[in-house]
N, C-alpha and C. Protein backbone atom coordinates (compact mmCIF):
# COMPACT_ATOMS: atom_id res chain seq x y z
N UNK A 1 -24.54 2.58 15.08
CA UNK A 1 -23.28 1.85 15.37
C UNK A 1 -22.40 1.90 14.50
N UNK A 2 -22.22 1.87 13.26
CA UNK A 2 -21.08 2.09 12.17
C UNK A 2 -20.25 3.34 12.58
N UNK A 3 -21.24 4.08 12.94
CA UNK A 3 -20.43 5.50 13.29
C UNK A 3 -19.48 5.58 14.31
N UNK A 4 -20.15 4.67 15.53
CA UNK A 4 -19.25 4.46 16.41
C UNK A 4 -18.15 3.84 16.61
N UNK A 5 -18.32 2.95 15.61
CA UNK A 5 -17.02 2.13 15.42
C UNK A 5 -16.06 3.14 14.74
N UNK A 6 -16.44 3.60 13.58
CA UNK A 6 -15.75 4.56 12.89
C UNK A 6 -14.78 5.38 13.78
N UNK A 7 -15.53 6.32 14.85
CA UNK A 7 -15.20 6.97 15.77
C UNK A 7 -14.15 6.13 16.67
N UNK A 8 -14.30 4.81 17.17
CA UNK A 8 -13.29 4.10 18.00
C UNK A 8 -12.14 3.88 17.04
N UNK A 9 -12.26 3.57 15.70
CA UNK A 9 -10.95 3.43 15.10
C UNK A 9 -10.23 4.60 15.05
N UNK A 10 -10.91 5.71 14.82
CA UNK A 10 -10.16 7.11 14.50
C UNK A 10 -9.23 7.53 16.04
N UNK A 11 -10.15 7.04 17.12
CA UNK A 11 -9.55 7.11 18.26
C UNK A 11 -8.59 6.02 18.90
N UNK A 12 -8.89 4.84 18.50
CA UNK A 12 -7.96 3.82 18.80
C UNK A 12 -6.45 3.47 18.92
N UNK A 13 -5.90 4.71 17.99
CA UNK A 13 -4.49 4.40 18.23
C UNK A 13 -3.89 5.81 18.96
N UNK A 14 -4.68 6.27 19.75
CA UNK A 14 -4.44 7.20 20.65
C UNK A 14 -4.40 8.55 19.65
N UNK A 15 -5.38 8.61 18.60
CA UNK A 15 -5.60 9.75 17.64
C UNK A 15 -6.83 10.63 18.59
N UNK A 16 -6.71 11.84 18.67
CA UNK A 16 -7.73 12.78 19.23
C UNK A 16 -8.22 13.85 18.47
N UNK A 17 -9.02 14.53 18.78
CA UNK A 17 -9.06 15.84 18.24
C UNK A 17 -8.49 17.00 18.42
N UNK A 18 -6.97 16.77 18.64
CA UNK A 18 -6.31 17.90 19.08
C UNK A 18 -6.24 19.01 17.94
N UNK A 19 -5.85 20.06 18.17
CA UNK A 19 -5.52 21.06 17.46
C UNK A 19 -4.65 20.90 16.19
N UNK A 20 -3.57 20.44 16.23
CA UNK A 20 -3.04 19.73 15.26
C UNK A 20 -3.21 18.77 14.69
N UNK A 21 -4.38 17.53 14.75
CA UNK A 21 -5.05 16.99 14.10
C UNK A 21 -6.64 17.30 13.57
N UNK A 22 -6.81 18.46 14.06
CA UNK A 22 -8.19 19.06 13.63
C UNK A 22 -8.20 19.16 11.97
N UNK A 23 -7.27 19.89 11.45
CA UNK A 23 -7.80 19.87 9.88
C UNK A 23 -7.79 18.83 9.29
N UNK A 24 -6.77 17.63 9.66
CA UNK A 24 -6.91 16.22 9.09
C UNK A 24 -8.57 15.74 9.31
N UNK A 25 -8.73 15.80 10.30
CA UNK A 25 -10.06 15.38 10.89
C UNK A 25 -11.20 16.01 9.90
N UNK A 26 -11.25 17.27 9.87
CA UNK A 26 -12.10 17.72 8.88
C UNK A 26 -12.03 17.80 7.54
N UNK A 27 -10.60 17.17 6.84
CA UNK A 27 -10.91 17.08 5.66
C UNK A 27 -11.27 15.74 5.60
N UNK A 28 -11.41 14.53 6.34
CA UNK A 28 -11.62 12.97 6.31
C UNK A 28 -13.00 13.25 6.20
N UNK A 29 -13.51 14.08 7.04
CA UNK A 29 -15.04 14.36 7.31
C UNK A 29 -15.69 15.03 6.26
N UNK A 30 -14.88 16.27 5.27
CA UNK A 30 -15.36 16.63 4.26
C UNK A 30 -15.35 16.05 3.02
N UNK A 31 -14.31 15.01 2.58
CA UNK A 31 -14.26 13.90 2.09
C UNK A 31 -15.64 13.21 1.98
N UNK A 32 -15.53 12.31 2.97
CA UNK A 32 -16.63 11.81 3.24
C UNK A 32 -18.11 12.37 2.74
N UNK A 33 -18.33 13.46 3.38
CA UNK A 33 -19.63 14.45 2.93
C UNK A 33 -19.45 14.51 1.22
N UNK A 34 -18.36 14.68 0.54
CA UNK A 34 -18.11 14.85 -0.62
C UNK A 34 -18.55 13.64 -1.68
N UNK A 35 -18.13 12.68 -1.10
CA UNK A 35 -18.36 11.09 -1.78
C UNK A 35 -19.97 10.94 -1.34
N UNK A 36 -20.29 11.17 -0.03
CA UNK A 36 -21.98 10.82 -0.05
C UNK A 36 -22.94 11.46 -0.71
N UNK A 37 -22.48 12.98 -0.91
CA UNK A 37 -23.18 13.78 -1.90
C UNK A 37 -22.85 13.18 -3.45
N UNK A 38 -21.94 13.23 -3.62
CA UNK A 38 -21.65 12.67 -5.22
C UNK A 38 -22.42 11.08 -5.87
N UNK A 39 -22.34 10.33 -4.38
CA UNK A 39 -23.38 9.16 -4.66
C UNK A 39 -24.84 9.44 -4.83
N UNK A 40 -25.37 10.39 -3.79
CA UNK A 40 -26.98 10.51 -4.15
C UNK A 40 -27.02 11.08 -5.54
N UNK A 41 -26.02 12.71 -5.92
CA UNK A 41 -26.10 13.16 -7.35
C UNK A 41 -26.13 11.90 -8.12
N UNK A 42 -25.20 11.11 -8.31
CA UNK A 42 -24.83 10.18 -9.68
C UNK A 42 -26.05 9.28 -9.60
N UNK A 43 -26.71 9.03 -8.69
CA UNK A 43 -28.04 8.14 -8.38
C UNK A 43 -29.32 8.77 -9.21
N UNK A 44 -29.14 10.13 -8.92
CA UNK A 44 -30.55 10.91 -9.17
C UNK A 44 -30.32 11.50 -10.36
N UNK A 45 -29.12 11.68 -10.86
CA UNK A 45 -28.77 12.32 -12.10
C UNK A 45 -27.63 11.50 -12.94
N UNK A 46 -28.04 10.10 -13.06
CA UNK A 46 -26.82 9.35 -14.12
C UNK A 46 -26.51 9.82 -14.84
N UNK A 47 -25.24 9.36 -15.32
CA UNK A 47 -24.59 9.52 -16.61
C UNK A 47 -25.25 8.44 -17.42
N UNK A 48 -25.62 8.86 -18.51
CA UNK A 48 -26.17 7.65 -19.76
C UNK A 48 -24.87 7.20 -20.57
N UNK A 49 -24.06 6.54 -19.73
CA UNK A 49 -23.27 5.67 -20.13
C UNK A 49 -22.78 4.75 -19.46
N UNK A 50 -21.95 3.64 -19.81
CA UNK A 50 -21.28 2.37 -19.12
C UNK A 50 -20.37 2.72 -17.95
N UNK A 51 -20.15 2.07 -17.01
CA UNK A 51 -19.43 2.25 -15.83
C UNK A 51 -17.73 2.55 -16.31
N UNK A 52 -17.54 2.13 -17.66
CA UNK A 52 -16.22 2.40 -17.82
C UNK A 52 -15.72 3.87 -18.48
N UNK A 53 -16.18 4.08 -19.31
CA UNK A 53 -16.38 5.39 -19.72
C UNK A 53 -16.89 6.38 -18.36
N UNK A 54 -18.07 5.92 -17.84
CA UNK A 54 -18.27 6.94 -16.89
C UNK A 54 -17.26 7.38 -15.86
N UNK A 55 -16.68 6.21 -15.22
CA UNK A 55 -15.42 6.48 -14.45
C UNK A 55 -14.09 7.17 -15.04
N UNK A 56 -13.92 6.55 -16.30
CA UNK A 56 -12.93 7.56 -16.95
C UNK A 56 -13.24 9.22 -17.27
N UNK A 57 -14.20 9.42 -17.49
CA UNK A 57 -14.62 10.74 -17.47
C UNK A 57 -14.44 11.78 -16.29
N UNK A 58 -15.03 10.84 -15.08
CA UNK A 58 -15.01 11.52 -13.73
C UNK A 58 -13.71 11.53 -13.45
N UNK A 59 -12.80 10.60 -13.36
CA UNK A 59 -11.33 10.74 -12.82
C UNK A 59 -10.79 11.80 -13.65
N UNK A 60 -10.57 11.54 -14.98
CA UNK A 60 -10.00 12.52 -15.89
C UNK A 60 -10.79 13.91 -15.65
N UNK A 61 -11.75 14.27 -15.44
CA UNK A 61 -11.70 15.61 -15.00
C UNK A 61 -11.73 16.23 -13.53
N UNK A 62 -12.05 15.12 -12.80
CA UNK A 62 -11.51 15.48 -11.50
C UNK A 62 -9.79 15.77 -11.32
N UNK A 63 -9.08 15.39 -12.12
CA UNK A 63 -7.56 15.30 -11.95
C UNK A 63 -7.37 16.53 -12.26
N UNK A 64 -7.88 17.12 -13.02
CA UNK A 64 -7.40 18.43 -13.63
C UNK A 64 -7.21 19.57 -12.64
N UNK A 65 -8.35 19.69 -11.67
CA UNK A 65 -7.98 20.75 -10.49
C UNK A 65 -7.00 20.00 -9.59
N UNK A 66 -6.99 19.00 -9.45
CA UNK A 66 -5.86 18.41 -8.16
C UNK A 66 -4.51 18.32 -8.73
N UNK A 67 -4.45 18.58 -10.35
CA UNK A 67 -3.20 18.79 -10.82
C UNK A 67 -2.70 20.26 -10.81
N UNK A 68 -3.49 20.98 -10.99
CA UNK A 68 -3.60 22.30 -11.08
C UNK A 68 -2.71 22.77 -9.51
N UNK A 69 -3.88 22.49 -8.81
CA UNK A 69 -3.58 22.57 -7.27
C UNK A 69 -2.06 21.91 -6.74
N UNK A 70 -2.00 20.98 -7.06
CA UNK A 70 -0.82 20.11 -7.07
C UNK A 70 0.61 21.09 -7.44
N UNK A 71 0.27 21.58 -8.56
CA UNK A 71 1.65 22.00 -9.29
C UNK A 71 1.63 23.13 -8.58
N UNK A 72 0.77 24.06 -7.96
CA UNK A 72 0.77 25.27 -7.40
C UNK A 72 1.17 25.14 -5.74
N UNK A 73 0.86 24.21 -5.32
CA UNK A 73 1.23 24.41 -3.77
C UNK A 73 2.28 22.96 -3.15
N UNK A 74 2.32 22.57 -4.16
CA UNK A 74 3.52 21.39 -3.64
C UNK A 74 4.81 21.42 -4.59
N UNK A 75 5.84 20.97 -3.92
CA UNK A 75 7.17 20.88 -4.45
C UNK A 75 7.33 19.20 -5.28
N UNK A 76 7.58 19.47 -6.71
CA UNK A 76 7.58 18.12 -6.83
C UNK A 76 8.92 17.91 -7.76
N UNK A 77 9.40 16.95 -6.86
CA UNK A 77 11.10 16.53 -7.38
C UNK A 77 10.70 14.95 -8.26
N UNK A 78 10.81 15.11 -9.19
CA UNK A 78 10.08 13.67 -9.96
C UNK A 78 11.84 12.61 -10.02
N UNK A 79 12.78 13.29 -9.93
CA UNK A 79 14.03 12.81 -9.88
C UNK A 79 14.18 11.82 -8.46
N UNK A 80 13.35 12.28 -7.67
CA UNK A 80 13.62 11.75 -6.36
C UNK A 80 12.79 10.58 -5.87
N UNK A 81 11.82 10.08 -7.05
CA UNK A 81 10.75 9.12 -6.79
C UNK A 81 11.46 7.83 -6.98
N UNK A 82 11.32 6.87 -6.23
CA UNK A 82 11.98 5.61 -6.11
C UNK A 82 11.05 4.92 -7.15
N UNK A 83 11.95 3.63 -7.46
CA UNK A 83 11.20 2.38 -8.53
C UNK A 83 9.62 1.86 -7.56
N UNK A 84 9.86 1.98 -6.32
CA UNK A 84 8.66 1.57 -5.70
C UNK A 84 7.50 2.54 -5.92
N UNK A 85 8.39 3.72 -5.91
CA UNK A 85 7.45 5.01 -5.81
C UNK A 85 6.56 4.94 -7.05
N UNK A 86 7.15 4.83 -8.18
CA UNK A 86 6.51 4.87 -9.27
C UNK A 86 5.43 3.84 -9.57
N UNK A 87 5.93 2.60 -8.97
CA UNK A 87 4.84 1.35 -9.20
C UNK A 87 3.64 1.41 -8.44
N UNK A 88 3.89 2.20 -7.09
CA UNK A 88 2.70 2.48 -6.45
C UNK A 88 1.86 3.64 -6.95
N UNK A 89 2.17 4.42 -7.89
CA UNK A 89 2.01 5.50 -8.58
C UNK A 89 0.68 4.74 -10.09
N UNK A 90 1.44 3.88 -10.31
CA UNK A 90 0.56 2.99 -11.18
C UNK A 90 -0.44 2.20 -10.71
N UNK A 91 -0.29 1.48 -9.64
CA UNK A 91 -1.19 0.92 -8.76
C UNK A 91 -2.34 1.55 -8.48
N UNK A 92 -2.05 3.09 -8.14
CA UNK A 92 -3.02 3.92 -7.55
C UNK A 92 -3.86 4.34 -9.04
N UNK A 93 -3.28 4.66 -9.70
CA UNK A 93 -3.87 5.15 -10.96
C UNK A 93 -4.85 3.80 -11.75
N UNK A 94 -4.50 2.93 -11.75
CA UNK A 94 -4.88 1.28 -12.45
C UNK A 94 -5.79 0.61 -11.48
N UNK A 95 -5.53 0.63 -10.29
CA UNK A 95 -6.29 -0.34 -9.52
C UNK A 95 -7.23 0.65 -8.53
N UNK A 96 -6.38 1.50 -7.76
CA UNK A 96 -7.11 2.13 -6.74
C UNK A 96 -8.18 3.29 -7.36
N UNK A 97 -7.75 4.06 -8.58
CA UNK A 97 -9.01 4.75 -8.98
C UNK A 97 -9.88 4.02 -9.91
N UNK A 98 -9.15 3.28 -11.27
CA UNK A 98 -9.88 2.69 -12.45
C UNK A 98 -10.91 1.70 -11.83
N UNK A 99 -10.01 0.60 -11.63
CA UNK A 99 -10.74 -0.61 -11.01
C UNK A 99 -11.82 -0.17 -9.94
N UNK A 100 -11.31 0.22 -8.89
CA UNK A 100 -12.30 0.87 -7.92
C UNK A 100 -13.63 1.51 -8.39
N UNK A 101 -13.34 2.53 -9.36
CA UNK A 101 -14.64 3.54 -9.62
C UNK A 101 -15.55 2.96 -10.72
N UNK A 102 -14.48 1.92 -11.45
CA UNK A 102 -15.63 1.10 -12.59
C UNK A 102 -16.61 0.21 -11.47
N UNK A 103 -15.92 -0.37 -10.37
CA UNK A 103 -16.71 -1.21 -9.91
C UNK A 103 -17.77 -0.47 -9.01
N UNK A 104 -17.37 0.83 -8.38
CA UNK A 104 -18.36 1.57 -7.90
C UNK A 104 -19.68 2.01 -8.95
N UNK A 105 -19.50 2.26 -9.90
CA UNK A 105 -20.57 2.72 -10.82
C UNK A 105 -21.31 1.61 -11.07
N UNK A 106 -20.56 0.28 -11.15
CA UNK A 106 -21.32 -0.40 -11.66
C UNK A 106 -22.55 -0.98 -10.60
N UNK A 107 -21.74 -0.95 -9.20
CA UNK A 107 -23.03 -0.92 -8.24
C UNK A 107 -24.00 -0.09 -7.74
N UNK A 108 -23.66 1.35 -8.17
CA UNK A 108 -24.53 2.45 -7.93
C UNK A 108 -25.48 2.05 -9.30
N UNK A 109 -25.04 1.66 -10.19
CA UNK A 109 -26.45 1.44 -11.51
C UNK A 109 -27.21 0.08 -11.11
N UNK A 110 -26.69 -0.61 -10.29
CA UNK A 110 -27.48 -1.71 -9.74
C UNK A 110 -28.28 -1.89 -8.42
N UNK A 111 -27.64 -0.93 -7.67
CA UNK A 111 -28.43 -0.74 -6.29
C UNK A 111 -29.03 0.65 -5.85
N UNK A 112 -29.77 0.62 -4.87
CA UNK A 112 -30.13 1.65 -4.69
C UNK A 112 -29.26 2.44 -4.03
N UNK A 113 -28.66 3.70 -3.85
CA UNK A 113 -27.75 4.64 -3.36
C UNK A 113 -27.63 4.21 -1.89
N UNK A 114 -28.53 4.00 -1.36
CA UNK A 114 -28.55 3.78 0.23
C UNK A 114 -27.60 2.55 0.48
N UNK A 115 -27.69 1.31 -0.53
CA UNK A 115 -27.29 0.24 -0.54
C UNK A 115 -25.68 0.12 -1.00
N UNK A 116 -25.60 0.83 -2.15
CA UNK A 116 -24.22 0.92 -2.32
C UNK A 116 -23.41 1.65 -1.53
N UNK A 117 -24.00 2.77 -0.89
CA UNK A 117 -22.90 3.71 0.32
C UNK A 117 -22.77 2.79 1.24
N UNK A 118 -23.35 2.08 1.88
CA UNK A 118 -22.98 1.27 2.66
C UNK A 118 -21.83 0.29 2.63
N UNK A 119 -21.41 -0.23 1.63
CA UNK A 119 -20.26 -0.94 1.20
C UNK A 119 -19.19 -0.14 1.14
N UNK A 120 -19.32 1.46 1.25
CA UNK A 120 -18.04 2.31 1.51
C UNK A 120 -17.51 2.15 2.89
N UNK A 121 -18.23 1.58 4.06
CA UNK A 121 -18.03 1.08 5.22
C UNK A 121 -17.02 0.02 5.34
N UNK A 122 -16.65 -0.51 4.31
CA UNK A 122 -15.83 -1.64 4.45
C UNK A 122 -14.50 -1.13 4.19
N UNK A 123 -14.15 0.12 3.75
CA UNK A 123 -13.02 1.05 3.26
C UNK A 123 -12.21 1.31 4.76
N UNK A 124 -12.66 1.66 5.79
CA UNK A 124 -12.12 1.94 6.87
C UNK A 124 -11.65 0.46 7.66
N UNK A 125 -12.12 -0.82 7.49
CA UNK A 125 -12.16 -2.39 7.72
C UNK A 125 -10.95 -2.73 7.40
N UNK A 126 -11.30 -2.49 5.99
CA UNK A 126 -10.17 -3.01 5.02
C UNK A 126 -8.80 -2.33 5.58
N UNK A 127 -8.74 -1.29 5.54
CA UNK A 127 -7.35 -0.04 6.07
C UNK A 127 -7.00 -0.52 6.99
N UNK A 128 -7.47 -0.61 8.19
CA UNK A 128 -7.26 -1.00 9.55
C UNK A 128 -6.64 -2.37 9.45
N UNK A 129 -6.94 -3.38 8.97
CA UNK A 129 -6.48 -4.60 9.04
C UNK A 129 -5.50 -4.65 7.97
N UNK A 130 -5.58 -3.91 6.61
CA UNK A 130 -4.30 -3.70 5.68
C UNK A 130 -3.10 -3.39 6.53
N UNK A 131 -3.33 -2.02 7.01
CA UNK A 131 -2.02 -1.53 8.25
C UNK A 131 -1.63 -1.96 9.02
N UNK A 132 -2.56 -2.90 9.68
CA UNK A 132 -1.73 -3.89 10.58
C UNK A 132 -1.01 -4.66 10.37
N UNK A 133 -1.19 -5.44 9.24
CA UNK A 133 -0.35 -6.55 8.37
C UNK A 133 0.48 -5.72 7.65
N UNK A 134 0.82 -4.94 6.95
CA UNK A 134 1.56 -4.16 6.21
C UNK A 134 2.38 -3.12 6.59
N UNK A 135 1.89 -2.41 7.88
CA UNK A 135 2.75 -1.16 8.55
C UNK A 135 2.99 -1.52 9.95
N UNK A 136 2.20 -2.76 10.44
CA UNK A 136 2.51 -3.18 11.36
C UNK A 136 2.05 -2.07 12.58
N UNK A 137 0.93 -1.77 12.26
CA UNK A 137 0.15 -0.82 13.01
C UNK A 137 -0.61 -1.63 14.06
N UNK A 138 -0.89 -1.19 15.38
CA UNK A 138 -1.37 -1.64 16.47
C UNK A 138 -2.99 -2.27 15.94
N UNK A 139 -3.30 -3.52 16.48
CA UNK A 139 -4.39 -4.38 16.04
C UNK A 139 -4.87 -4.67 17.30
N UNK A 140 -5.16 -4.23 18.30
CA UNK A 140 -5.47 -4.72 19.67
C UNK A 140 -7.14 -4.71 19.89
N UNK A 141 -7.24 -4.76 21.23
CA UNK A 141 -8.70 -5.23 21.21
C UNK A 141 -9.49 -3.98 20.96
N UNK A 142 -9.12 -2.94 21.03
CA UNK A 142 -9.98 -1.55 20.90
C UNK A 142 -10.26 -1.48 19.51
N UNK A 143 -9.28 -1.78 18.56
CA UNK A 143 -9.37 -1.82 17.07
C UNK A 143 -10.33 -2.87 16.75
N UNK A 144 -10.27 -3.97 17.31
CA UNK A 144 -11.26 -5.25 16.82
C UNK A 144 -12.37 -4.80 17.19
N UNK A 145 -12.86 -4.20 18.46
CA UNK A 145 -13.97 -3.83 18.89
C UNK A 145 -14.83 -2.81 17.98
N UNK A 146 -13.75 -2.13 17.40
CA UNK A 146 -14.23 -0.87 16.65
C UNK A 146 -14.72 -1.62 15.47
N UNK A 147 -13.80 -2.42 14.80
CA UNK A 147 -14.13 -3.00 13.42
C UNK A 147 -15.49 -3.91 13.72
N UNK A 148 -15.63 -4.47 14.66
CA UNK A 148 -16.77 -5.30 14.83
C UNK A 148 -18.00 -4.59 14.90
N UNK A 149 -18.05 -3.15 15.49
CA UNK A 149 -19.04 -2.15 15.62
C UNK A 149 -19.55 -1.67 13.89
N UNK A 150 -18.16 -1.21 13.38
CA UNK A 150 -18.53 -1.03 12.04
C UNK A 150 -19.04 -1.96 11.16
N UNK A 151 -18.53 -3.16 11.15
CA UNK A 151 -19.25 -4.36 10.53
C UNK A 151 -20.79 -4.62 11.10
N UNK A 152 -20.75 -4.50 12.23
CA UNK A 152 -22.49 -4.70 13.00
C UNK A 152 -23.37 -3.52 12.32
N UNK A 153 -22.95 -2.55 12.00
CA UNK A 153 -23.72 -1.32 11.71
C UNK A 153 -23.97 -1.53 10.24
N UNK A 154 -23.13 -2.29 9.49
CA UNK A 154 -23.11 -2.16 8.27
C UNK A 154 -24.28 -3.50 7.89
N UNK A 155 -24.15 -4.40 8.77
CA UNK A 155 -25.15 -5.69 8.69
C UNK A 155 -26.47 -5.49 9.02
N UNK A 156 -26.37 -4.27 9.91
CA UNK A 156 -28.03 -3.85 10.63
C UNK A 156 -28.36 -2.87 9.55
N UNK A 157 -27.91 -2.32 8.75
CA UNK A 157 -28.18 -1.22 7.98
C UNK A 157 -29.03 -2.06 6.47
N UNK A 158 -28.16 -3.28 6.52
CA UNK A 158 -28.63 -3.81 4.97
C UNK A 158 -29.85 -4.76 5.19
N UNK A 159 -30.33 -4.57 6.58
CA UNK A 159 -31.39 -5.88 6.67
C UNK A 159 -32.66 -5.11 6.44
């Protein structure tokens, strides 16, 4: 049910699996697969350390290949980054990565992987609502029904 909701969210704004969008859809699914696999492996082979150092090590080590690839294939013009852009970078680093991953590892340490993973289904729900509020993206009946399907799937999975 949750996957039906997610599929409807992806298709709700006129997004379809067109040739142009296929790489993005594949990347999104690849990211979901990688996150799910990481969740199972982190639960099966937990790091013997508290959530804050665990998050710091994983974020730190994970940033190395991303930084290398970014420097090789992206064009960086630091002088073009606005003040808002710098604040968004700070937010992404401190809140999006650090706080979120510390919370994630703390949840994973206390919950079965299957239950902790269900919490990630809230991400698209929050993203769609935040996009409607902040970016004025559509939030019509299709999106609302898709969100309800996603939430219903989460509720059913946690029972």
